Every structure is written in C-alpha cells, then in structure tokens.
C-alpha cells in the first residue's frame, strides 16, 4: 500500500484495503472508482493497476512512481547537496532536512 506500506499477496485485497485510506475527493481512479483528495495520491494509487513504476535510475536500476522521487534519489549517487544553511557550513540534499536543521540555530 502506497499510503501505509502494508503488503498484500492478492491485488484485490490491496484495492479493498486502499479504500480505507481514500477520502472523498475530486480525483477519482477511472479503473476502480476510489477517490482521492489530491492528484498526487491518485497518481501513486494508479501504480497498482499495472502502470507500474516508470521512472528508472540509470545508475542503479531502482524504479520510482514519481519523477520527483527519482530526481531526489539521484542525489544519493551524485552527492549533490543544493540546500545550504546560511548560518553555518552544513548542506543538505532535501529542503525539509535544511529547514529542520535551521530550527536548531
């Protein structure tokens, strides 16, 4: 399950389970009619219908549902840390890590 990480042997059990996470929302899956509050969650959900993970890392072969996750993952190979603290010399590959760090100053 993309929402909570729970695993199922049968795809139908996953679909039924995911309905427990779904809230009424404007983004409805055309294949199973589960609705989601935002487009991102719908996009993640649609991976269970055979669309699969379509963004593949050329360095290690790991695949991702979202392009942004691939971009973030690629930084683990390049060592890129674009988010730099203005108060010290630390830098981070994710903005949320930098923001958490900056709260400590």
N, C-alpha and C. Protein backbone atom coordinates (compact mmCIF):
# COMPACT_ATOMS: atom_id res chain seq x y z
N UNK A 1 0.85 -1.19 0.00
CA UNK A 1 0.00 0.00 0.00
C UNK A 1 0.88 1.24 0.00
N UNK A 2 0.68 2.13 -0.94
CA UNK A 2 1.48 3.34 -1.03
C UNK A 2 1.19 4.31 0.11
N UNK A 3 0.09 4.12 0.79
CA UNK A 3 -0.30 5.02 1.87
C UNK A 3 0.33 4.63 3.21
N UNK A 4 0.33 3.32 3.53
CA UNK A 4 0.80 2.89 4.85
C UNK A 4 1.90 1.83 4.79
N UNK A 5 2.20 1.30 3.61
CA UNK A 5 3.26 0.31 3.48
C UNK A 5 2.83 -1.13 3.70
N UNK A 6 1.58 -1.36 4.05
CA UNK A 6 1.11 -2.72 4.26
C UNK A 6 1.16 -3.49 2.95
N UNK A 7 1.52 -4.78 3.02
CA UNK A 7 1.65 -5.59 1.81
C UNK A 7 0.55 -6.65 1.74
N UNK A 8 0.20 -6.99 0.50
CA UNK A 8 -0.83 -7.99 0.27
C UNK A 8 -0.38 -8.94 -0.83
N UNK A 9 -0.74 -10.22 -0.68
CA UNK A 9 -0.41 -11.18 -1.74
C UNK A 9 -1.33 -11.01 -2.93
N UNK A 10 -2.58 -10.72 -2.69
CA UNK A 10 -3.56 -10.58 -3.77
C UNK A 10 -3.85 -9.11 -4.04
N UNK A 11 -3.84 -8.75 -5.30
CA UNK A 11 -4.08 -7.37 -5.71
C UNK A 11 -5.45 -6.86 -5.26
N UNK A 12 -6.45 -7.72 -5.30
CA UNK A 12 -7.80 -7.31 -4.91
C UNK A 12 -7.85 -6.91 -3.44
N UNK A 13 -7.07 -7.61 -2.60
CA UNK A 13 -7.04 -7.25 -1.18
C UNK A 13 -6.40 -5.88 -0.97
N UNK A 14 -5.40 -5.57 -1.78
CA UNK A 14 -4.80 -4.24 -1.72
C UNK A 14 -5.81 -3.17 -2.12
N UNK A 15 -6.54 -3.42 -3.19
CA UNK A 15 -7.54 -2.46 -3.66
C UNK A 15 -8.60 -2.21 -2.58
N UNK A 16 -9.08 -3.27 -1.98
CA UNK A 16 -10.07 -3.14 -0.92
C UNK A 16 -9.48 -2.37 0.26
N UNK A 17 -8.25 -2.71 0.63
CA UNK A 17 -7.59 -2.02 1.73
C UNK A 17 -7.42 -0.53 1.45
N UNK A 18 -7.03 -0.19 0.24
CA UNK A 18 -6.79 1.22 -0.08
C UNK A 18 -8.05 2.06 0.02
N UNK A 19 -9.18 1.45 -0.11
CA UNK A 19 -10.43 2.19 0.05
C UNK A 19 -10.56 2.73 1.47
N UNK A 20 -9.91 2.06 2.43
CA UNK A 20 -9.98 2.55 3.82
C UNK A 20 -9.21 3.85 3.99
N UNK A 21 -8.23 4.10 3.13
CA UNK A 21 -7.46 5.35 3.19
C UNK A 21 -8.13 6.47 2.40
N UNK A 22 -8.88 6.10 1.40
CA UNK A 22 -9.43 7.10 0.48
C UNK A 22 -10.48 7.95 1.17
N UNK A 23 -10.35 9.23 0.98
CA UNK A 23 -11.36 10.17 1.46
C UNK A 23 -12.07 10.67 0.22
N UNK A 24 -13.26 11.12 0.40
CA UNK A 24 -13.98 11.67 -0.74
C UNK A 24 -13.17 12.83 -1.30
N UNK A 25 -12.97 12.81 -2.57
CA UNK A 25 -12.19 13.87 -3.18
C UNK A 25 -12.49 13.97 -4.66
N UNK A 26 -11.99 15.00 -5.28
CA UNK A 26 -12.30 15.24 -6.69
C UNK A 26 -11.51 14.37 -7.67
N UNK A 27 -10.48 13.65 -7.18
CA UNK A 27 -9.63 12.86 -8.08
C UNK A 27 -10.00 11.39 -7.96
N UNK A 28 -10.72 10.90 -8.96
CA UNK A 28 -11.23 9.53 -8.91
C UNK A 28 -10.47 8.65 -9.90
N UNK A 29 -10.12 7.45 -9.44
CA UNK A 29 -9.46 6.49 -10.31
C UNK A 29 -10.49 5.95 -11.31
N UNK A 30 -10.22 6.03 -12.60
CA UNK A 30 -11.19 5.56 -13.59
C UNK A 30 -11.31 4.04 -13.64
N UNK A 31 -10.37 3.33 -13.01
CA UNK A 31 -10.40 1.87 -13.08
C UNK A 31 -11.13 1.23 -11.91
N UNK A 32 -11.09 1.84 -10.74
CA UNK A 32 -11.75 1.21 -9.59
C UNK A 32 -12.63 2.17 -8.81
N UNK A 33 -12.70 3.42 -9.24
CA UNK A 33 -13.60 4.42 -8.66
C UNK A 33 -13.25 4.86 -7.24
N UNK A 34 -12.05 4.57 -6.78
CA UNK A 34 -11.61 5.11 -5.50
C UNK A 34 -11.29 6.58 -5.73
N UNK A 35 -11.69 7.44 -4.79
CA UNK A 35 -11.41 8.86 -4.97
C UNK A 35 -10.38 9.33 -3.95
N UNK A 36 -9.64 10.35 -4.34
CA UNK A 36 -8.55 10.87 -3.52
C UNK A 36 -8.67 12.38 -3.41
N UNK A 37 -8.13 12.90 -2.32
CA UNK A 37 -8.21 14.33 -2.06
C UNK A 37 -7.28 15.13 -2.96
N UNK A 38 -6.19 14.50 -3.45
CA UNK A 38 -5.27 15.24 -4.31
C UNK A 38 -4.75 14.35 -5.44
N UNK A 39 -4.27 15.00 -6.47
CA UNK A 39 -3.80 14.32 -7.68
C UNK A 39 -2.59 13.43 -7.39
N UNK A 40 -1.73 13.85 -6.48
CA UNK A 40 -0.52 13.07 -6.15
C UNK A 40 -0.89 11.69 -5.62
N UNK A 41 -1.85 11.63 -4.70
CA UNK A 41 -2.25 10.33 -4.14
C UNK A 41 -2.92 9.46 -5.20
N UNK A 42 -3.69 10.07 -6.08
CA UNK A 42 -4.28 9.32 -7.18
C UNK A 42 -3.18 8.73 -8.06
N UNK A 43 -2.18 9.54 -8.38
CA UNK A 43 -1.06 9.09 -9.22
C UNK A 43 -0.36 7.90 -8.57
N UNK A 44 -0.10 7.97 -7.27
CA UNK A 44 0.53 6.85 -6.57
C UNK A 44 -0.34 5.61 -6.63
N UNK A 45 -1.62 5.79 -6.37
CA UNK A 45 -2.57 4.68 -6.38
C UNK A 45 -2.61 3.98 -7.73
N UNK A 46 -2.56 4.73 -8.81
CA UNK A 46 -2.70 4.14 -10.14
C UNK A 46 -1.60 3.15 -10.47
N UNK A 47 -0.51 3.18 -9.72
CA UNK A 47 0.56 2.21 -9.92
C UNK A 47 0.11 0.78 -9.70
N UNK A 48 -0.95 0.56 -8.90
CA UNK A 48 -1.39 -0.82 -8.64
C UNK A 48 -2.14 -1.42 -9.82
N UNK A 49 -2.50 -0.61 -10.79
CA UNK A 49 -3.27 -1.10 -11.93
C UNK A 49 -2.39 -1.49 -13.12
N UNK A 50 -1.14 -1.77 -12.88
CA UNK A 50 -0.28 -2.25 -13.95
C UNK A 50 0.51 -1.19 -14.67
N UNK A 51 0.25 0.08 -14.36
CA UNK A 51 1.04 1.15 -14.98
C UNK A 51 2.48 1.02 -14.52
N UNK A 52 2.64 0.59 -13.29
CA UNK A 52 3.96 0.31 -12.77
C UNK A 52 4.81 1.53 -12.51
N UNK A 53 6.03 1.26 -12.14
CA UNK A 53 6.99 2.32 -11.84
C UNK A 53 7.72 2.66 -13.12
N UNK A 54 7.55 3.86 -13.59
CA UNK A 54 8.06 4.19 -14.91
C UNK A 54 9.31 5.06 -14.92
N UNK A 55 9.80 5.49 -13.78
CA UNK A 55 11.00 6.32 -13.73
C UNK A 55 12.13 5.50 -13.14
N UNK A 56 13.13 5.18 -13.96
CA UNK A 56 14.19 4.25 -13.56
C UNK A 56 15.53 4.98 -13.46
N UNK A 57 16.24 4.74 -12.37
CA UNK A 57 17.56 5.32 -12.17
C UNK A 57 18.56 4.63 -13.08
N UNK A 58 19.27 5.41 -13.87
CA UNK A 58 20.24 4.84 -14.81
C UNK A 58 21.50 4.34 -14.10
N UNK A 59 21.72 4.75 -12.86
CA UNK A 59 22.90 4.30 -12.13
C UNK A 59 22.70 2.95 -11.44
N UNK A 60 21.54 2.75 -10.81
CA UNK A 60 21.35 1.53 -10.03
C UNK A 60 20.15 0.70 -10.45
N UNK A 61 19.30 1.22 -11.33
CA UNK A 61 18.15 0.47 -11.80
C UNK A 61 16.92 0.56 -10.92
N UNK A 62 17.00 1.25 -9.80
CA UNK A 62 15.84 1.39 -8.92
C UNK A 62 14.77 2.19 -9.65
N UNK A 63 13.50 1.81 -9.46
CA UNK A 63 12.42 2.48 -10.18
C UNK A 63 11.49 3.21 -9.22
N UNK A 64 10.84 4.25 -9.76
CA UNK A 64 10.00 5.13 -8.96
C UNK A 64 8.71 5.45 -9.69
N UNK A 65 7.65 5.69 -8.93
CA UNK A 65 6.36 6.06 -9.48
C UNK A 65 6.37 7.52 -9.92
N UNK A 66 7.04 8.36 -9.16
CA UNK A 66 7.06 9.80 -9.43
C UNK A 66 8.44 10.26 -9.90
N UNK A 67 8.46 11.13 -10.90
CA UNK A 67 9.72 11.67 -11.40
C UNK A 67 10.48 12.43 -10.31
N UNK A 68 9.76 13.16 -9.47
CA UNK A 68 10.42 13.93 -8.42
C UNK A 68 11.15 13.03 -7.43
N UNK A 69 10.63 11.82 -7.21
CA UNK A 69 11.31 10.88 -6.32
C UNK A 69 12.60 10.39 -6.96
N UNK A 70 12.58 10.18 -8.28
CA UNK A 70 13.80 9.79 -8.99
C UNK A 70 14.85 10.90 -8.88
N UNK A 71 14.43 12.14 -9.10
CA UNK A 71 15.37 13.27 -9.02
C UNK A 71 16.01 13.32 -7.63
N UNK A 72 15.20 13.18 -6.60
CA UNK A 72 15.71 13.20 -5.23
C UNK A 72 16.65 12.02 -4.98
N UNK A 73 16.28 10.84 -5.49
CA UNK A 73 17.12 9.64 -5.34
C UNK A 73 18.47 9.82 -6.01
N UNK A 74 18.48 10.42 -7.21
CA UNK A 74 19.73 10.58 -7.97
C UNK A 74 20.78 11.35 -7.17
N UNK A 75 20.34 12.22 -6.27
CA UNK A 75 21.29 12.97 -5.45
C UNK A 75 22.11 12.05 -4.55
N UNK A 76 21.61 10.85 -4.25
CA UNK A 76 22.39 9.91 -3.45
C UNK A 76 23.60 9.42 -4.24
N UNK A 77 23.50 9.39 -5.55
CA UNK A 77 24.62 8.96 -6.40
C UNK A 77 25.60 10.10 -6.67
N UNK A 78 25.08 11.30 -6.84
CA UNK A 78 25.94 12.43 -7.21
C UNK A 78 26.55 13.13 -6.01
N UNK A 79 25.94 12.93 -4.83
CA UNK A 79 26.42 13.62 -3.64
C UNK A 79 25.99 15.08 -3.59
N UNK A 80 25.13 15.47 -4.52
CA UNK A 80 24.67 16.85 -4.59
C UNK A 80 23.90 17.22 -3.33
N UNK A 81 24.22 18.40 -2.79
CA UNK A 81 23.54 18.93 -1.60
C UNK A 81 23.24 20.40 -1.86
N UNK A 82 22.16 20.67 -2.60
CA UNK A 82 21.90 22.04 -3.04
C UNK A 82 21.33 22.98 -1.97
N UNK A 83 20.89 22.44 -0.84
CA UNK A 83 20.26 23.27 0.18
C UNK A 83 21.27 23.58 1.28
N UNK A 84 21.79 24.82 1.28
CA UNK A 84 22.87 25.22 2.18
C UNK A 84 22.35 26.13 3.28
N UNK A 85 22.83 25.87 4.48
CA UNK A 85 22.46 26.70 5.64
C UNK A 85 23.20 28.03 5.55
N UNK A 86 22.50 29.12 5.76
CA UNK A 86 23.11 30.45 5.68
C UNK A 86 23.85 30.82 6.97
N UNK A 87 23.67 30.01 8.02
CA UNK A 87 24.30 30.33 9.31
C UNK A 87 25.51 29.47 9.63
N UNK A 88 25.70 28.38 8.90
CA UNK A 88 26.86 27.53 9.12
C UNK A 88 27.22 26.86 7.79
N UNK A 89 28.16 25.95 7.80
CA UNK A 89 28.63 25.37 6.54
C UNK A 89 27.93 24.07 6.15
N UNK A 90 26.85 23.72 6.82
CA UNK A 90 26.16 22.47 6.50
C UNK A 90 25.28 22.62 5.27
N UNK A 91 25.14 21.51 4.54
CA UNK A 91 24.27 21.50 3.37
C UNK A 91 23.54 20.17 3.32
N UNK A 92 22.40 20.17 2.62
CA UNK A 92 21.52 19.01 2.61
C UNK A 92 20.99 18.77 1.20
N UNK A 93 20.61 17.52 0.94
CA UNK A 93 20.06 17.22 -0.38
C UNK A 93 18.57 17.46 -0.44
N UNK A 94 17.92 17.62 0.71
CA UNK A 94 16.48 17.89 0.73
C UNK A 94 16.20 19.17 1.50
N UNK A 95 15.25 19.95 1.00
CA UNK A 95 14.90 21.22 1.64
C UNK A 95 14.32 21.00 3.03
N UNK A 96 13.52 19.95 3.21
CA UNK A 96 12.93 19.71 4.52
C UNK A 96 14.01 19.38 5.56
N UNK A 97 15.11 18.74 5.14
CA UNK A 97 16.22 18.48 6.07
C UNK A 97 16.88 19.79 6.49
N UNK A 98 17.06 20.70 5.53
CA UNK A 98 17.65 22.01 5.84
C UNK A 98 16.76 22.77 6.81
N UNK A 99 15.46 22.80 6.55
CA UNK A 99 14.54 23.53 7.42
C UNK A 99 14.56 22.98 8.84
N UNK A 100 14.62 21.66 8.97
CA UNK A 100 14.70 21.04 10.29
C UNK A 100 15.99 21.47 10.99
N UNK A 101 17.09 21.46 10.25
CA UNK A 101 18.38 21.89 10.80
C UNK A 101 18.34 23.35 11.24
N UNK A 102 17.76 24.21 10.42
CA UNK A 102 17.75 25.65 10.72
C UNK A 102 16.96 25.98 11.98
N UNK A 103 16.02 25.15 12.35
CA UNK A 103 15.26 25.38 13.58
C UNK A 103 16.16 25.23 14.82
N UNK A 104 17.29 24.55 14.65
CA UNK A 104 18.21 24.35 15.78
C UNK A 104 19.09 25.57 16.05
N UNK A 105 19.20 26.48 15.11
CA UNK A 105 20.05 27.67 15.29
C UNK A 105 19.40 28.66 16.22
